[in-house]
N, C-alpha and C. Protein backbone atom coordinates (compact mmCIF):
# COMPACT_ATOMS: atom_id res chain seq x y z
N MET A 1 5.63 212.15 -148.52
CA MET A 1 6.67 212.37 -149.50
C MET A 1 8.01 211.91 -148.94
N GLY A 2 8.33 212.32 -147.73
CA GLY A 2 9.58 211.91 -147.12
C GLY A 2 10.52 213.06 -146.85
N LEU A 3 11.77 212.70 -146.60
CA LEU A 3 12.80 213.70 -146.33
C LEU A 3 13.36 214.24 -147.64
N PRO A 4 13.64 215.54 -147.70
CA PRO A 4 14.28 216.08 -148.91
C PRO A 4 15.69 215.51 -149.05
N SER A 5 16.12 215.36 -150.28
CA SER A 5 17.47 214.89 -150.55
C SER A 5 18.47 215.92 -150.04
N PRO A 6 19.52 215.49 -149.33
CA PRO A 6 20.48 216.46 -148.78
C PRO A 6 21.28 217.20 -149.85
N GLN A 7 21.26 216.72 -151.09
CA GLN A 7 22.00 217.42 -152.14
C GLN A 7 21.27 218.66 -152.66
N TYR A 8 20.03 218.85 -152.22
CA TYR A 8 19.26 220.02 -152.63
C TYR A 8 18.90 220.85 -151.40
N ASP A 9 18.86 222.16 -151.57
CA ASP A 9 18.45 223.07 -150.50
C ASP A 9 16.95 223.30 -150.64
N VAL A 10 16.16 222.44 -150.00
CA VAL A 10 14.70 222.45 -150.12
C VAL A 10 14.10 223.03 -148.85
N ASP A 11 13.04 223.82 -149.02
CA ASP A 11 12.37 224.42 -147.86
C ASP A 11 10.89 224.57 -148.18
N LEU A 12 10.13 224.97 -147.19
CA LEU A 12 8.72 225.32 -147.35
C LEU A 12 8.57 226.79 -147.00
N LEU A 13 7.97 227.55 -147.91
CA LEU A 13 7.79 228.98 -147.67
C LEU A 13 6.31 229.34 -147.64
N ALA A 14 5.96 230.25 -146.73
CA ALA A 14 4.61 230.81 -146.66
C ALA A 14 4.44 231.79 -147.82
N PRO A 15 3.21 232.20 -148.12
CA PRO A 15 3.00 233.16 -149.21
C PRO A 15 3.78 234.47 -149.03
N ASP A 16 4.08 234.84 -147.78
CA ASP A 16 4.85 236.08 -147.55
C ASP A 16 6.36 235.87 -147.67
N GLY A 17 6.80 234.64 -147.99
CA GLY A 17 8.21 234.37 -148.22
C GLY A 17 9.00 233.87 -147.02
N ARG A 18 8.37 233.79 -145.86
CA ARG A 18 9.09 233.32 -144.67
C ARG A 18 9.00 231.79 -144.60
N PRO A 19 10.04 231.15 -144.04
CA PRO A 19 9.98 229.70 -143.82
C PRO A 19 8.84 229.37 -142.85
N VAL A 20 8.11 228.31 -143.13
CA VAL A 20 6.98 227.94 -142.28
C VAL A 20 7.46 227.16 -141.05
N GLU A 21 6.61 227.14 -140.05
CA GLU A 21 6.88 226.39 -138.81
C GLU A 21 6.48 224.93 -139.01
N VAL A 22 6.92 224.07 -138.12
CA VAL A 22 6.53 222.66 -138.13
C VAL A 22 5.00 222.58 -138.10
N GLY A 23 4.43 221.76 -138.98
CA GLY A 23 2.98 221.59 -139.04
C GLY A 23 2.25 222.61 -139.87
N GLU A 24 2.95 223.65 -140.30
CA GLU A 24 2.33 224.71 -141.10
C GLU A 24 2.54 224.41 -142.59
N GLN A 25 1.53 224.70 -143.37
CA GLN A 25 1.57 224.44 -144.80
C GLN A 25 2.34 225.54 -145.53
N GLY A 26 3.12 225.15 -146.54
CA GLY A 26 3.85 226.11 -147.36
C GLY A 26 4.16 225.52 -148.72
N GLN A 27 4.68 226.38 -149.61
CA GLN A 27 5.04 225.92 -150.94
C GLN A 27 6.46 225.33 -150.91
N ILE A 28 6.63 224.20 -151.58
CA ILE A 28 7.95 223.59 -151.66
C ILE A 28 8.80 224.42 -152.62
N VAL A 29 9.99 224.79 -152.14
CA VAL A 29 10.92 225.59 -152.96
C VAL A 29 12.30 224.94 -152.93
N VAL A 30 13.07 225.23 -153.98
CA VAL A 30 14.46 224.79 -154.07
C VAL A 30 15.30 226.05 -154.25
N ARG A 31 16.23 226.26 -153.34
CA ARG A 31 17.11 227.43 -153.45
C ARG A 31 18.14 227.17 -154.55
N THR A 32 18.25 228.15 -155.45
CA THR A 32 19.15 228.03 -156.60
C THR A 32 20.19 229.14 -156.63
N ASP A 33 20.25 229.96 -155.58
CA ASP A 33 21.15 231.11 -155.59
C ASP A 33 22.62 230.70 -155.51
N LYS A 34 22.93 229.60 -154.83
CA LYS A 34 24.33 229.17 -154.71
C LYS A 34 24.76 228.29 -155.88
N ARG A 35 23.84 227.42 -156.33
CA ARG A 35 24.11 226.59 -157.51
C ARG A 35 22.78 226.07 -158.04
N HIS A 36 22.73 225.88 -159.35
CA HIS A 36 21.52 225.36 -159.99
C HIS A 36 21.60 223.83 -159.97
N PRO A 37 20.67 223.17 -159.28
CA PRO A 37 20.73 221.70 -159.18
C PRO A 37 20.65 221.02 -160.55
N ILE A 38 21.42 219.97 -160.71
CA ILE A 38 21.39 219.18 -161.94
C ILE A 38 19.99 218.60 -162.10
N GLY A 39 19.45 218.70 -163.29
CA GLY A 39 18.14 218.13 -163.58
C GLY A 39 16.98 219.08 -163.35
N LEU A 40 17.22 220.21 -162.72
CA LEU A 40 16.14 221.18 -162.49
C LEU A 40 15.99 222.04 -163.73
N PHE A 41 14.79 222.08 -164.29
CA PHE A 41 14.59 222.83 -165.52
C PHE A 41 14.86 224.31 -165.32
N ARG A 42 15.24 224.97 -166.38
CA ARG A 42 15.61 226.38 -166.30
C ARG A 42 14.48 227.31 -166.69
N GLY A 43 13.42 226.79 -167.27
CA GLY A 43 12.32 227.66 -167.63
C GLY A 43 11.32 226.98 -168.54
N TYR A 44 10.20 227.65 -168.72
CA TYR A 44 9.15 227.17 -169.60
C TYR A 44 9.45 227.59 -171.03
N TYR A 45 9.26 226.70 -171.96
CA TYR A 45 9.54 226.96 -173.37
C TYR A 45 8.67 228.11 -173.87
N ARG A 46 9.33 229.15 -174.32
CA ARG A 46 8.68 230.33 -174.91
C ARG A 46 7.64 230.97 -174.00
N ASN A 47 7.84 230.89 -172.69
CA ASN A 47 6.90 231.53 -171.77
C ASN A 47 7.68 232.17 -170.63
N GLU A 48 8.14 233.37 -170.88
CA GLU A 48 8.96 234.08 -169.90
C GLU A 48 8.17 234.42 -168.63
N THR A 49 6.87 234.69 -168.78
CA THR A 49 6.04 235.03 -167.62
C THR A 49 6.00 233.88 -166.62
N LEU A 50 5.68 232.67 -167.10
CA LEU A 50 5.65 231.51 -166.20
C LEU A 50 7.03 231.21 -165.63
N THR A 51 8.05 231.37 -166.45
CA THR A 51 9.42 231.14 -165.97
C THR A 51 9.74 232.08 -164.82
N ASN A 52 9.39 233.35 -164.96
CA ASN A 52 9.68 234.33 -163.91
C ASN A 52 8.85 234.10 -162.65
N GLU A 53 7.65 233.52 -162.80
CA GLU A 53 6.84 233.18 -161.63
C GLU A 53 7.48 232.02 -160.86
N ALA A 54 8.06 231.07 -161.58
CA ALA A 54 8.64 229.89 -160.94
C ALA A 54 10.06 230.12 -160.44
N HIS A 55 10.85 230.91 -161.18
CA HIS A 55 12.26 231.15 -160.84
C HIS A 55 12.46 232.63 -160.55
N HIS A 56 12.65 233.00 -159.30
CA HIS A 56 13.02 234.38 -159.00
C HIS A 56 13.68 234.46 -157.63
N ASP A 57 14.51 235.48 -157.49
CA ASP A 57 15.22 235.74 -156.22
C ASP A 57 16.04 234.54 -155.73
N GLY A 58 16.60 233.77 -156.67
CA GLY A 58 17.43 232.63 -156.30
C GLY A 58 16.66 231.46 -155.74
N ILE A 59 15.37 231.38 -156.07
CA ILE A 59 14.51 230.31 -155.56
C ILE A 59 13.65 229.79 -156.70
N TYR A 60 13.51 228.45 -156.75
CA TYR A 60 12.57 227.83 -157.68
C TYR A 60 11.32 227.43 -156.89
N TYR A 61 10.17 227.96 -157.29
CA TYR A 61 8.88 227.67 -156.65
C TYR A 61 8.22 226.53 -157.42
N THR A 62 8.05 225.39 -156.76
CA THR A 62 7.56 224.19 -157.44
C THR A 62 6.07 224.23 -157.76
N GLY A 63 5.30 225.00 -156.99
CA GLY A 63 3.85 224.98 -157.15
C GLY A 63 3.18 223.89 -156.33
N ASP A 64 3.99 223.12 -155.59
CA ASP A 64 3.45 222.06 -154.72
C ASP A 64 3.40 222.56 -153.28
N LEU A 65 2.32 222.22 -152.59
CA LEU A 65 2.16 222.58 -151.18
C LEU A 65 2.38 221.35 -150.31
N ALA A 66 3.00 221.56 -149.17
CA ALA A 66 3.25 220.48 -148.23
C ALA A 66 3.36 221.07 -146.83
N TRP A 67 3.44 220.20 -145.84
CA TRP A 67 3.76 220.62 -144.48
C TRP A 67 4.86 219.70 -143.98
N LYS A 68 5.58 220.15 -142.97
CA LYS A 68 6.73 219.41 -142.45
C LYS A 68 6.44 219.00 -141.01
N ASP A 69 6.75 217.73 -140.69
CA ASP A 69 6.55 217.28 -139.31
C ASP A 69 7.81 217.53 -138.47
N GLU A 70 7.75 217.14 -137.20
CA GLU A 70 8.86 217.41 -136.27
C GLU A 70 10.16 216.72 -136.66
N ASP A 71 10.05 215.65 -137.46
CA ASP A 71 11.24 214.90 -137.88
C ASP A 71 11.79 215.38 -139.22
N GLY A 72 11.18 216.42 -139.78
CA GLY A 72 11.66 216.97 -141.05
C GLY A 72 11.06 216.34 -142.29
N TYR A 73 10.11 215.41 -142.11
CA TYR A 73 9.46 214.77 -143.25
C TYR A 73 8.44 215.73 -143.87
N PHE A 74 8.40 215.76 -145.19
CA PHE A 74 7.43 216.57 -145.92
C PHE A 74 6.20 215.71 -146.21
N TRP A 75 5.02 216.32 -146.07
CA TRP A 75 3.74 215.67 -146.34
C TRP A 75 3.01 216.47 -147.40
N PHE A 76 2.75 215.83 -148.54
CA PHE A 76 2.14 216.49 -149.69
C PHE A 76 0.70 216.91 -149.40
N VAL A 77 0.35 218.14 -149.79
CA VAL A 77 -1.01 218.65 -149.64
C VAL A 77 -1.70 218.70 -151.00
N GLY A 78 -1.01 219.23 -152.00
CA GLY A 78 -1.57 219.34 -153.34
C GLY A 78 -0.86 220.43 -154.13
N ARG A 79 -1.29 220.61 -155.35
CA ARG A 79 -0.77 221.69 -156.17
C ARG A 79 -1.35 223.00 -155.65
N ALA A 80 -0.56 224.06 -155.66
CA ALA A 80 -1.01 225.36 -155.15
C ALA A 80 -2.27 225.82 -155.86
N ASP A 81 -2.37 225.57 -157.18
CA ASP A 81 -3.55 226.03 -157.90
C ASP A 81 -4.72 225.06 -157.78
N ASP A 82 -4.55 223.92 -157.10
CA ASP A 82 -5.65 222.99 -156.85
C ASP A 82 -6.22 223.13 -155.44
N VAL A 83 -5.51 223.82 -154.55
CA VAL A 83 -5.95 223.95 -153.16
C VAL A 83 -7.24 224.76 -153.11
N ILE A 84 -8.17 224.29 -152.29
CA ILE A 84 -9.49 224.90 -152.16
C ILE A 84 -9.48 225.82 -150.94
N LYS A 85 -9.97 227.04 -151.15
CA LYS A 85 -10.05 228.01 -150.05
C LYS A 85 -11.51 228.15 -149.65
N SER A 86 -11.85 227.57 -148.49
CA SER A 86 -13.24 227.53 -148.04
C SER A 86 -13.35 228.02 -146.60
N SER A 87 -14.10 229.08 -146.39
CA SER A 87 -14.33 229.64 -145.05
C SER A 87 -13.03 229.86 -144.28
N GLY A 88 -12.00 230.32 -144.96
CA GLY A 88 -10.73 230.60 -144.32
C GLY A 88 -9.80 229.40 -144.20
N TYR A 89 -10.28 228.21 -144.55
CA TYR A 89 -9.45 227.01 -144.53
C TYR A 89 -8.84 226.79 -145.91
N ARG A 90 -7.64 226.21 -145.92
CA ARG A 90 -6.99 225.80 -147.16
C ARG A 90 -7.04 224.27 -147.17
N ILE A 91 -7.77 223.72 -148.13
CA ILE A 91 -8.02 222.29 -148.17
C ILE A 91 -7.34 221.69 -149.40
N GLY A 92 -6.42 220.76 -149.16
CA GLY A 92 -5.73 220.08 -150.25
C GLY A 92 -6.59 218.94 -150.78
N PRO A 93 -6.72 218.84 -152.10
CA PRO A 93 -7.57 217.80 -152.67
C PRO A 93 -7.07 216.38 -152.39
N PHE A 94 -5.77 216.21 -152.27
CA PHE A 94 -5.19 214.88 -152.08
C PHE A 94 -5.72 214.20 -150.82
N GLU A 95 -5.81 214.93 -149.72
CA GLU A 95 -6.27 214.33 -148.46
C GLU A 95 -7.73 213.90 -148.55
N VAL A 96 -8.57 214.73 -149.19
CA VAL A 96 -9.99 214.39 -149.31
C VAL A 96 -10.17 213.22 -150.28
N GLU A 97 -9.41 213.23 -151.38
CA GLU A 97 -9.46 212.11 -152.32
C GLU A 97 -9.05 210.82 -151.63
N SER A 98 -7.98 210.88 -150.85
CA SER A 98 -7.50 209.69 -150.13
C SER A 98 -8.56 209.17 -149.16
N ALA A 99 -9.25 210.08 -148.47
CA ALA A 99 -10.31 209.68 -147.54
C ALA A 99 -11.45 209.00 -148.29
N LEU A 100 -11.88 209.58 -149.40
CA LEU A 100 -12.97 208.99 -150.18
C LEU A 100 -12.59 207.62 -150.74
N MET A 101 -11.34 207.49 -151.16
CA MET A 101 -10.89 206.24 -151.79
C MET A 101 -10.88 205.06 -150.81
N THR A 102 -10.96 205.32 -149.52
CA THR A 102 -11.02 204.22 -148.55
C THR A 102 -12.43 203.65 -148.42
N HIS A 103 -13.42 204.27 -149.05
CA HIS A 103 -14.78 203.74 -149.02
C HIS A 103 -14.95 202.77 -150.19
N PRO A 104 -15.57 201.61 -149.96
CA PRO A 104 -15.69 200.61 -151.03
C PRO A 104 -16.54 201.06 -152.23
N ALA A 105 -17.34 202.10 -152.08
CA ALA A 105 -18.16 202.57 -153.19
C ALA A 105 -17.34 203.33 -154.24
N VAL A 106 -16.18 203.83 -153.85
CA VAL A 106 -15.42 204.74 -154.71
C VAL A 106 -14.29 204.01 -155.43
N VAL A 107 -14.33 204.06 -156.77
CA VAL A 107 -13.26 203.50 -157.59
C VAL A 107 -12.21 204.56 -157.86
N GLU A 108 -12.67 205.77 -158.16
CA GLU A 108 -11.77 206.88 -158.47
C GLU A 108 -12.53 208.18 -158.21
N CYS A 109 -11.79 209.23 -157.88
CA CYS A 109 -12.45 210.51 -157.63
C CYS A 109 -11.49 211.67 -157.87
N ALA A 110 -12.08 212.83 -158.01
CA ALA A 110 -11.31 214.08 -158.13
C ALA A 110 -11.98 215.11 -157.25
N ILE A 111 -11.17 215.85 -156.51
CA ILE A 111 -11.68 216.89 -155.62
C ILE A 111 -11.33 218.25 -156.22
N THR A 112 -12.33 219.12 -156.30
CA THR A 112 -12.14 220.47 -156.81
C THR A 112 -12.92 221.44 -155.93
N GLY A 113 -12.67 222.72 -156.13
CA GLY A 113 -13.42 223.75 -155.44
C GLY A 113 -14.46 224.36 -156.37
N VAL A 114 -15.64 224.60 -155.83
CA VAL A 114 -16.72 225.22 -156.58
C VAL A 114 -17.03 226.56 -155.92
N PRO A 115 -17.21 227.62 -156.71
CA PRO A 115 -17.49 228.94 -156.11
C PRO A 115 -18.72 228.91 -155.20
N ASP A 116 -18.61 229.63 -154.08
CA ASP A 116 -19.71 229.73 -153.13
C ASP A 116 -19.72 231.16 -152.59
N GLU A 117 -20.88 231.80 -152.61
CA GLU A 117 -20.98 233.20 -152.19
C GLU A 117 -20.59 233.41 -150.74
N ILE A 118 -20.88 232.47 -149.88
CA ILE A 118 -20.62 232.63 -148.45
C ILE A 118 -19.21 232.15 -148.08
N ARG A 119 -18.84 230.97 -148.54
CA ARG A 119 -17.57 230.35 -148.12
C ARG A 119 -16.39 230.65 -149.05
N GLY A 120 -16.63 231.27 -150.18
CA GLY A 120 -15.57 231.47 -151.17
C GLY A 120 -15.56 230.31 -152.14
N GLN A 121 -15.31 229.12 -151.62
CA GLN A 121 -15.40 227.88 -152.38
C GLN A 121 -15.92 226.79 -151.45
N VAL A 122 -16.51 225.76 -152.04
CA VAL A 122 -16.86 224.55 -151.29
C VAL A 122 -16.20 223.37 -152.00
N VAL A 123 -15.97 222.32 -151.23
CA VAL A 123 -15.35 221.11 -151.77
C VAL A 123 -16.37 220.33 -152.57
N LYS A 124 -15.96 219.95 -153.79
CA LYS A 124 -16.80 219.10 -154.64
C LYS A 124 -16.03 217.84 -154.98
N ALA A 125 -16.71 216.70 -154.88
CA ALA A 125 -16.13 215.41 -155.27
C ALA A 125 -16.81 214.93 -156.53
N THR A 126 -16.03 214.62 -157.53
CA THR A 126 -16.53 213.99 -158.75
C THR A 126 -16.08 212.53 -158.64
N VAL A 127 -17.06 211.61 -158.59
CA VAL A 127 -16.79 210.23 -158.16
C VAL A 127 -17.23 209.21 -159.21
N ILE A 128 -16.35 208.23 -159.44
CA ILE A 128 -16.72 207.04 -160.20
C ILE A 128 -17.01 205.95 -159.18
N LEU A 129 -18.21 205.38 -159.27
CA LEU A 129 -18.63 204.35 -158.31
C LEU A 129 -18.21 202.95 -158.76
N SER A 130 -17.99 202.08 -157.79
CA SER A 130 -17.73 200.67 -158.09
C SER A 130 -19.02 200.05 -158.62
N ASN A 131 -18.88 198.94 -159.33
CA ASN A 131 -20.05 198.28 -159.92
C ASN A 131 -21.11 197.95 -158.88
N GLU A 132 -20.69 197.56 -157.67
CA GLU A 132 -21.64 197.17 -156.63
C GLU A 132 -22.49 198.35 -156.14
N TYR A 133 -22.02 199.57 -156.36
CA TYR A 133 -22.73 200.75 -155.84
C TYR A 133 -23.39 201.59 -156.93
N LYS A 134 -23.18 201.25 -158.20
CA LYS A 134 -23.72 202.10 -159.28
C LYS A 134 -25.23 202.26 -159.19
N ASP A 135 -25.95 201.21 -158.80
CA ASP A 135 -27.40 201.31 -158.71
C ASP A 135 -27.86 201.98 -157.41
N LYS A 136 -26.90 202.33 -156.54
CA LYS A 136 -27.23 202.98 -155.27
C LYS A 136 -26.92 204.48 -155.29
N ALA A 137 -26.50 204.99 -156.47
CA ALA A 137 -26.18 206.42 -156.57
C ALA A 137 -27.43 207.23 -156.22
N GLY A 138 -27.28 208.15 -155.31
CA GLY A 138 -28.40 208.97 -154.89
C GLY A 138 -28.05 209.70 -153.60
N GLU A 139 -29.04 210.38 -153.05
CA GLU A 139 -28.83 211.22 -151.87
C GLU A 139 -28.34 210.42 -150.66
N ALA A 140 -28.83 209.20 -150.48
CA ALA A 140 -28.39 208.39 -149.34
C ALA A 140 -26.90 208.07 -149.44
N LEU A 141 -26.43 207.74 -150.63
CA LEU A 141 -25.01 207.44 -150.80
C LEU A 141 -24.17 208.70 -150.65
N VAL A 142 -24.69 209.83 -151.12
CA VAL A 142 -23.99 211.11 -150.93
C VAL A 142 -23.76 211.35 -149.44
N LYS A 143 -24.81 211.20 -148.64
CA LYS A 143 -24.70 211.40 -147.18
C LYS A 143 -23.70 210.41 -146.56
N THR A 144 -23.75 209.16 -147.01
CA THR A 144 -22.83 208.14 -146.49
C THR A 144 -21.38 208.52 -146.77
N LEU A 145 -21.10 208.96 -148.01
CA LEU A 145 -19.74 209.34 -148.37
C LEU A 145 -19.29 210.59 -147.61
N GLN A 146 -20.20 211.54 -147.43
CA GLN A 146 -19.87 212.74 -146.66
C GLN A 146 -19.51 212.38 -145.22
N GLU A 147 -20.30 211.54 -144.60
CA GLU A 147 -20.02 211.11 -143.22
C GLU A 147 -18.72 210.33 -143.15
N HIS A 148 -18.45 209.53 -144.15
CA HIS A 148 -17.20 208.76 -144.19
C HIS A 148 -15.99 209.70 -144.18
N VAL A 149 -16.03 210.73 -145.02
CA VAL A 149 -14.91 211.68 -145.08
C VAL A 149 -14.75 212.39 -143.74
N LYS A 150 -15.86 212.76 -143.10
CA LYS A 150 -15.79 213.43 -141.80
C LYS A 150 -15.11 212.55 -140.75
N GLN A 151 -15.29 211.23 -140.86
CA GLN A 151 -14.68 210.31 -139.90
C GLN A 151 -13.19 210.09 -140.17
N VAL A 152 -12.79 210.17 -141.44
CA VAL A 152 -11.41 209.88 -141.83
C VAL A 152 -10.50 211.10 -141.70
N THR A 153 -11.03 212.28 -141.97
CA THR A 153 -10.23 213.50 -141.92
C THR A 153 -11.00 214.58 -141.17
N ALA A 154 -10.49 215.78 -141.14
CA ALA A 154 -11.16 216.87 -140.42
C ALA A 154 -12.55 217.11 -141.00
N PRO A 155 -13.56 217.25 -140.16
CA PRO A 155 -14.94 217.38 -140.64
C PRO A 155 -15.18 218.53 -141.63
N TYR A 156 -14.44 219.64 -141.50
CA TYR A 156 -14.68 220.77 -142.40
C TYR A 156 -14.22 220.48 -143.84
N LYS A 157 -13.50 219.39 -144.05
CA LYS A 157 -12.98 219.06 -145.38
C LYS A 157 -13.94 218.23 -146.23
N TYR A 158 -15.07 217.82 -145.66
CA TYR A 158 -15.95 216.92 -146.41
C TYR A 158 -16.52 217.60 -147.65
N PRO A 159 -16.76 216.82 -148.72
CA PRO A 159 -17.33 217.41 -149.93
C PRO A 159 -18.81 217.75 -149.74
N ARG A 160 -19.13 219.01 -149.90
CA ARG A 160 -20.52 219.45 -149.78
C ARG A 160 -21.31 219.12 -151.04
N ILE A 161 -20.59 218.91 -152.13
CA ILE A 161 -21.22 218.52 -153.39
C ILE A 161 -20.54 217.23 -153.85
N ILE A 162 -21.35 216.24 -154.23
CA ILE A 162 -20.81 215.00 -154.79
C ILE A 162 -21.56 214.72 -156.09
N GLU A 163 -20.79 214.54 -157.15
CA GLU A 163 -21.36 214.22 -158.46
C GLU A 163 -20.84 212.84 -158.86
N PHE A 164 -21.75 211.96 -159.28
CA PHE A 164 -21.36 210.63 -159.74
C PHE A 164 -21.24 210.66 -161.26
N VAL A 165 -20.12 210.15 -161.78
CA VAL A 165 -19.85 210.15 -163.22
C VAL A 165 -19.35 208.77 -163.64
N ASP A 166 -19.37 208.53 -164.96
CA ASP A 166 -18.86 207.27 -165.49
C ASP A 166 -17.36 207.33 -165.75
N GLU A 167 -16.84 208.55 -166.01
CA GLU A 167 -15.40 208.70 -166.24
C GLU A 167 -14.96 210.11 -165.88
N LEU A 168 -13.68 210.23 -165.59
CA LEU A 168 -13.07 211.52 -165.27
C LEU A 168 -12.24 211.97 -166.45
N PRO A 169 -12.19 213.29 -166.72
CA PRO A 169 -11.33 213.76 -167.80
C PRO A 169 -9.86 213.54 -167.42
N LYS A 170 -9.09 213.01 -168.38
CA LYS A 170 -7.69 212.70 -168.10
C LYS A 170 -6.78 213.15 -169.23
N THR A 171 -5.52 213.33 -168.88
CA THR A 171 -4.50 213.62 -169.89
C THR A 171 -4.14 212.31 -170.58
N ILE A 172 -3.36 212.42 -171.62
CA ILE A 172 -2.92 211.22 -172.35
C ILE A 172 -2.10 210.30 -171.46
N SER A 173 -1.45 210.86 -170.44
CA SER A 173 -0.65 210.04 -169.52
C SER A 173 -1.47 209.50 -168.34
N GLY A 174 -2.78 209.80 -168.30
CA GLY A 174 -3.65 209.24 -167.27
C GLY A 174 -3.87 210.10 -166.05
N LYS A 175 -3.33 211.33 -166.03
CA LYS A 175 -3.55 212.22 -164.89
C LYS A 175 -4.93 212.87 -165.01
N ILE A 176 -5.59 213.02 -163.88
CA ILE A 176 -6.92 213.65 -163.87
C ILE A 176 -6.77 215.13 -164.20
N ARG A 177 -7.61 215.61 -165.11
CA ARG A 177 -7.60 217.02 -165.52
C ARG A 177 -8.60 217.81 -164.67
N ARG A 178 -8.16 218.22 -163.49
CA ARG A 178 -9.03 218.99 -162.61
C ARG A 178 -9.47 220.29 -163.27
N VAL A 179 -8.60 220.86 -164.10
CA VAL A 179 -8.94 222.11 -164.77
C VAL A 179 -10.19 221.92 -165.63
N ALA A 180 -10.35 220.77 -166.27
CA ALA A 180 -11.54 220.50 -167.09
C ALA A 180 -12.79 220.41 -166.21
N ILE A 181 -12.65 219.82 -165.04
CA ILE A 181 -13.78 219.73 -164.10
C ILE A 181 -14.15 221.13 -163.61
N ARG A 182 -13.14 221.94 -163.27
CA ARG A 182 -13.41 223.30 -162.81
C ARG A 182 -14.08 224.13 -163.90
N GLU A 183 -13.62 223.98 -165.14
CA GLU A 183 -14.23 224.72 -166.25
C GLU A 183 -15.69 224.32 -166.41
N LYS A 184 -15.98 223.02 -166.33
CA LYS A 184 -17.35 222.52 -166.45
C LYS A 184 -18.24 223.09 -165.34
N ASP A 185 -17.66 223.24 -164.15
CA ASP A 185 -18.42 223.75 -163.00
C ASP A 185 -18.49 225.27 -162.95
N GLY A 186 -17.82 225.94 -163.89
CA GLY A 186 -17.84 227.41 -163.90
C GLY A 186 -16.84 228.04 -162.97
N SER A 187 -15.88 227.25 -162.47
CA SER A 187 -14.83 227.81 -161.62
C SER A 187 -13.76 228.43 -162.49
N ASN A 188 -12.99 229.33 -161.89
CA ASN A 188 -11.87 229.93 -162.60
C ASN A 188 -10.72 228.94 -162.59
N PRO A 189 -10.33 228.41 -163.77
CA PRO A 189 -9.27 227.42 -163.80
C PRO A 189 -7.87 227.98 -163.67
N THR A 190 -7.73 229.29 -163.65
CA THR A 190 -6.40 229.88 -163.54
C THR A 190 -6.00 229.99 -162.09
N LYS A 191 -4.76 230.38 -161.85
CA LYS A 191 -4.27 230.53 -160.48
C LYS A 191 -5.10 231.57 -159.75
N GLU A 192 -5.39 231.26 -158.47
CA GLU A 192 -6.22 232.18 -157.68
C GLU A 192 -5.38 232.97 -156.73
């Protein structure tokens, strides 16, 4: 993502409200107690509950998770309600999607969490294959993609479930609707 603009008071906060340490994941917030930044929305239309969740105590909670490096650069992890909680790990879908997208078999993908009795959730990849790999969809390709993700990112982040599809559900503007995938899989699409 980069460095925050100096005209805004931006920080990363842990769930308990304390500023996070370098390398630690937190929610991106904008402090609004001294002044309300130009262009920052003031609330959700006709939804006081969501407005109060996002704006309280002089802070705007963006719903985006990131971590900060030693130079102050922010690195995007994902939306707070998209983050997968598996065996005590918090896994951002963006990193796993990025890892999968480096494999030539993958044209597009979406990462979601699927309920699991032991781990809480497991990582699931919903994948559109390139034309060259469509006839190779099967267990061997699943294993290949899983091993690929383990090599590109931390091994615990690999998708334990991979589903091959012809298309992903999208909004009118082209954004992937992870909530539709979670609903199809029986996951709770609301904030966890």
